[in-house]
Protein backbone atom coordinates (compact mmCIF):
# COMPACT_ATOMS: atom_id res chain seq x y z
CA MET A 1 116.65 105.41 43.87
CA THR A 2 114.32 104.08 46.55
CA LEU A 3 117.17 102.16 48.13
CA GLY A 4 119.42 105.12 47.96
CA ARG A 5 116.95 107.13 49.68
CA ASP A 6 116.24 104.52 52.46
CA THR A 7 119.85 103.94 53.19
CA GLN A 8 120.18 107.79 53.53
CA ALA A 9 117.18 108.13 55.53
CA ARG A 10 118.78 105.50 57.96
CA ARG A 11 122.12 107.26 58.03
CA GLY A 12 120.38 110.33 59.14
CA TRP A 13 118.60 108.72 62.18
CA PRO A 14 121.76 108.69 64.50
CA GLY A 15 121.72 112.42 64.23
CA LEU A 16 118.33 112.53 65.53
CA ARG A 17 118.91 110.32 68.57
CA GLY A 18 120.42 113.06 70.80
CA PRO A 19 117.73 115.64 70.25
CA VAL A 20 115.18 112.92 70.72
CA ALA A 21 116.64 111.62 74.07
CA LEU A 22 117.08 115.18 75.15
CA ALA A 23 113.46 116.07 74.67
CA GLY A 24 112.47 112.86 76.42
CA ALA A 25 114.62 113.70 79.45
CA VAL A 26 113.14 117.48 79.59
CA LEU A 27 109.48 115.93 79.48
CA ALA A 28 110.38 113.36 82.10
CA ALA A 29 112.04 115.89 84.46
CA ALA A 30 108.97 118.10 84.13
CA TRP A 31 106.56 115.51 84.73
CA VAL A 32 108.83 114.61 88.01
CA VAL A 33 108.77 118.27 89.10
CA ARG A 34 104.93 118.42 88.80
CA ASP A 35 104.39 115.26 90.32
CA TYR A 36 106.44 116.04 93.37
CA ARG A 37 104.67 119.48 93.72
CA GLY A 38 101.52 117.83 93.56
CA TRP A 39 102.32 115.38 96.28
CA LEU A 40 103.89 118.23 98.45
CA ALA A 41 100.62 120.05 98.19
CA LEU A 42 98.51 117.22 99.89
CA GLY A 43 100.50 117.94 103.11
CA PRO A 44 102.37 115.64 105.47
CA GLY A 45 101.65 111.97 105.63
CA GLY A 46 103.56 108.82 106.65
CA LEU A 47 106.60 109.74 104.69
CA PRO A 48 109.09 112.65 105.00
CA HIS A 49 108.39 115.54 102.82
CA THR A 50 111.63 115.02 100.84
CA PRO A 51 112.65 113.92 97.39
CA ARG A 52 113.59 110.62 98.98
CA GLY A 53 109.98 110.37 100.37
CA TRP A 54 108.42 111.03 97.14
CA LEU A 55 110.69 108.34 95.92
CA VAL A 56 109.49 105.84 98.26
CA MET A 57 106.02 106.82 97.41
CA ALA A 58 106.56 106.38 93.73
CA VAL A 59 107.84 102.89 94.04
CA LEU A 60 104.79 102.14 96.20
CA ARG A 61 102.58 103.52 93.75
CA ALA A 62 104.11 101.62 90.82
CA ARG A 63 103.62 98.36 92.72
CA THR A 64 99.97 99.27 93.68
CA TRP A 65 98.52 101.18 90.59
CA ARG A 66 96.50 98.23 89.27
CA VAL A 67 94.78 97.73 92.64
CA ASP A 68 90.82 98.27 92.58
CA PRO A 69 90.24 100.31 95.75
CA PHE A 70 86.31 99.38 95.28
CA GLY A 71 86.99 95.61 94.99
CA THR A 72 84.94 93.71 97.88
CA ALA A 73 85.37 90.21 96.76
CA GLY A 74 86.46 88.19 99.75
CA LEU A 75 85.24 90.77 102.21
CA THR A 76 82.86 88.43 104.23
CA GLY A 77 82.06 87.39 107.65
CA THR A 78 80.61 89.10 110.52
CA GLY A 79 80.71 92.58 111.03
CA HIS A 80 80.23 95.20 114.07
CA LEU A 81 77.69 97.72 112.36
CA SER A 82 74.49 97.22 114.40
CA ASP A 83 72.29 98.34 111.31
CA PRO A 84 72.95 98.84 107.66
CA LEU A 85 74.61 102.04 106.47
CA PRO A 86 72.68 104.36 104.41
CA VAL A 87 73.93 105.11 100.72
CA ARG A 88 76.03 108.09 100.67
CA ALA A 89 74.56 110.94 98.63
CA GLY A 90 76.17 111.89 95.17
CA PRO A 91 79.27 110.47 93.33
CA ARG A 92 82.43 109.66 95.33
CA PRO A 93 85.05 112.19 95.67
CA MET A 94 88.18 112.16 93.60
CA VAL A 95 91.23 110.76 95.34
CA ALA A 96 94.71 111.67 94.58
CA HIS A 97 96.94 109.07 92.98
CA TYR A 98 99.55 109.12 95.57
CA PRO A 99 99.28 106.18 97.95
CA ILE A 100 100.83 108.04 100.74
CA PRO A 101 99.30 110.40 101.86
CA HIS A 102 96.04 109.05 100.63
CA ARG A 103 93.78 111.79 100.41
CA GLN A 104 90.70 112.91 98.78
CA LEU A 105 90.53 115.98 96.43
CA ASP A 106 87.13 117.51 96.70
CA GLN A 107 83.57 117.21 98.26
CA PHE A 108 84.62 118.56 101.57
CA PRO A 109 82.39 119.89 104.33
CA GLU A 110 79.76 122.32 103.43
CA PRO A 111 80.64 125.94 103.83
CA GLY A 112 80.48 126.97 107.75
CA PHE A 113 80.33 123.37 108.88
CA VAL A 114 82.68 122.33 111.32
CA SER A 115 82.79 118.52 112.31
CA ALA A 116 82.69 117.68 116.07
CA LEU A 117 84.27 114.28 115.35
CA THR A 118 87.79 114.45 116.74
CA ILE A 119 89.95 111.49 117.86
CA ALA A 120 90.02 113.21 121.40
CA ALA A 121 86.34 113.51 121.83
CA PHE A 122 85.95 110.11 120.35
CA VAL A 123 88.36 108.45 122.72
CA GLY A 124 87.27 110.77 125.62
CA THR A 125 83.70 108.70 125.98
CA ARG A 126 85.21 105.36 125.30
CA PRO A 127 87.24 103.66 128.13
CA THR A 128 88.36 100.82 126.19
CA LEU A 129 90.35 103.21 123.98
CA THR A 130 93.22 105.64 124.09
CA LYS A 131 94.76 108.34 121.91
CA ARG A 132 98.44 108.57 120.86
CA ARG A 133 100.17 109.52 117.67
CA SER A 134 99.14 107.49 114.53
CA TYR A 135 101.52 104.71 113.69
CA PHE A 136 100.76 104.93 109.94
CA GLU A 137 100.37 108.63 109.38
CA LYS A 138 103.02 109.97 111.99
CA HIS A 139 101.43 113.51 111.97
CA ASN A 140 97.83 112.75 113.26
CA ASP A 141 96.25 111.62 116.51
CA ALA A 142 94.82 108.20 116.47
CA ALA A 143 92.29 106.04 118.59
CA PHE A 144 94.15 102.87 119.83
CA THR A 145 93.04 100.21 122.35
CA ALA A 146 93.94 100.62 125.73
CA PRO A 147 97.26 99.25 126.67
CA ASP A 148 95.72 96.24 128.93
CA LEU A 149 93.32 94.94 126.25
CA PRO A 150 94.22 92.37 123.54
CA VAL A 151 94.48 93.42 120.14
CA HIS A 152 93.01 92.02 116.95
CA ALA A 153 95.82 90.46 114.56
CA ASP A 154 95.06 93.59 112.29
CA GLY A 155 96.55 95.60 115.00
CA GLU A 156 99.77 93.75 115.71
CA ILE A 157 102.19 95.83 113.74
CA SER A 158 100.70 99.16 114.71
CA GLY A 159 100.23 98.57 118.40
CA GLY A 160 96.35 98.49 117.97
CA GLU A 161 95.55 101.67 115.65
CA ILE A 162 91.84 101.83 115.15
CA GLY A 163 91.71 105.01 113.14
CA HIS A 164 92.63 108.60 112.63
CA VAL A 165 91.11 111.89 111.16
CA HIS A 166 92.99 113.90 108.67
CA ALA A 167 93.18 117.59 108.48
CA ASP A 168 90.27 117.60 105.67
CA GLY A 169 87.97 115.54 107.79
CA SER A 170 88.49 112.37 106.04
CA LEU A 171 89.60 109.07 108.09
CA HIS A 172 91.71 105.99 107.68
CA VAL A 173 90.15 102.97 109.62
CA VAL A 174 90.64 99.50 110.19
CA LEU A 175 87.61 97.61 109.78
CA ALA A 176 86.20 94.06 110.04
CA PRO A 177 85.94 92.70 106.36
CA ALA A 178 82.28 92.85 106.23
CA ASP A 179 81.98 96.34 107.49
CA ALA A 180 84.76 97.31 105.06
CA ALA A 181 82.69 95.84 102.24
CA GLU A 182 79.54 97.67 103.26
CA ALA A 183 81.28 101.22 103.57
CA ILE A 184 82.72 100.74 100.04
CA GLU A 185 79.45 99.51 98.55
CA HIS A 186 77.53 102.04 100.14
CA GLY A 187 79.88 104.78 98.81
CA TRP A 188 81.29 105.94 102.28
CA GLY A 189 84.95 105.01 101.47
CA GLN A 190 87.46 103.00 99.35
CA LEU A 191 90.43 100.69 100.42
CA HIS A 192 93.85 102.13 100.54
CA PRO A 193 95.70 100.81 97.58
CA ALA A 194 98.38 99.37 99.68
CA SER A 195 95.96 97.59 101.87
CA GLY A 196 97.27 94.07 102.84
CA ARG A 197 100.25 94.62 100.37
CA ALA A 198 102.78 97.01 101.74
CA ALA A 199 103.76 99.51 104.46
CA GLY A 200 102.29 97.29 107.16
CA LEU A 201 98.61 98.15 106.34
CA PRO A 202 95.72 95.77 107.24
CA ALA A 203 93.83 94.35 104.51
CA THR A 204 90.81 96.39 105.39
CA TYR A 205 92.66 99.72 105.75
CA VAL A 206 89.91 102.09 104.46
CA LEU A 207 89.59 105.76 103.64
CA VAL A 208 86.45 107.01 104.87
CA TYR A 209 85.50 110.24 102.94
CA ALA A 210 85.06 113.52 104.75
CA PRO A 211 81.94 114.26 106.43
CA ARG A 212 80.04 116.92 104.66
CA ASN A 213 77.22 117.59 107.19
CA SER A 214 76.15 116.44 110.65
CA ASP A 215 74.37 113.29 109.27
CA GLU A 216 77.55 112.14 107.80
CA VAL A 217 79.55 112.66 110.62
CA ALA A 218 77.37 110.25 112.43
CA VAL A 219 78.00 107.67 109.86
CA ALA A 220 81.96 108.28 110.14
CA GLU A 221 81.42 107.79 113.85
CA ARG A 222 79.50 104.63 113.40
CA LEU A 223 82.54 103.32 111.27
CA LEU A 224 84.93 104.35 113.88
CA ASP A 225 82.74 102.54 116.58
CA ALA A 226 82.92 99.47 114.16
CA ALA A 227 86.61 99.77 113.83
CA ALA A 228 86.97 99.82 117.43
CA ALA A 229 84.92 96.71 117.90
CA HIS A 230 87.05 95.02 115.55
CA MET A 231 90.30 95.82 117.00
CA THR A 232 89.33 95.34 120.55
CA GLY A 233 86.77 92.39 120.19
CA ASN A 234 84.18 94.47 122.25
CA GLN A 235 81.79 97.15 121.34
CA PRO A 236 82.79 100.22 123.04
CA ALA A 237 80.67 102.12 125.25
CA PRO A 238 78.16 104.51 123.50
CA SER A 239 79.24 107.99 123.41
CA ALA A 240 77.18 110.48 125.46
CA ARG A 241 74.69 112.34 123.49
């Protein structure tokens, strides 16, 4: 009797394969739609806002999902920060699981606070730098080395891009390894998951979290200055205070 029941159960499985496959397809489609909408909600980045752009992002995410954005092993050497960074107050913000665009999801500036740190203002007081459209983000202005200056190897692909500011106030900067390690270890940012792995990103392409107050703006500006020094090989002139 047991053998008969087992045989009958096995014969029943083919009839379930269709409904199970259909249910799986429906769940997968629902996940794709939700993921696509979440990706669109982050705003423009380095990829077109189309299903094809999402697919490129998804492939890159699959290639980098095991990357530790807080790993600083190997980030050594001489940096350009003149003094140690303070430790950022509180926990780190949440960062979206999409590599492009790479954005934080919370801990934005305090109500009523508007950061004075813009690429135009930063570049305007530093004669070794210039402003043009970001090579990596496509939709943001970025600081670059001046055309007549030599560029660090980290800027060969981008033409010397130093960093750019996103609409939410966060930044992407290219730092010297030691400066990247300090920024990460003191809680100010994290590595892009594709840093040194894909999309032409340098190994020390760092997301600096959005400054929440004037003290944090000063830290972000210090990191931009360190990135400029790394990319140009010289410490840029200090900004007017």
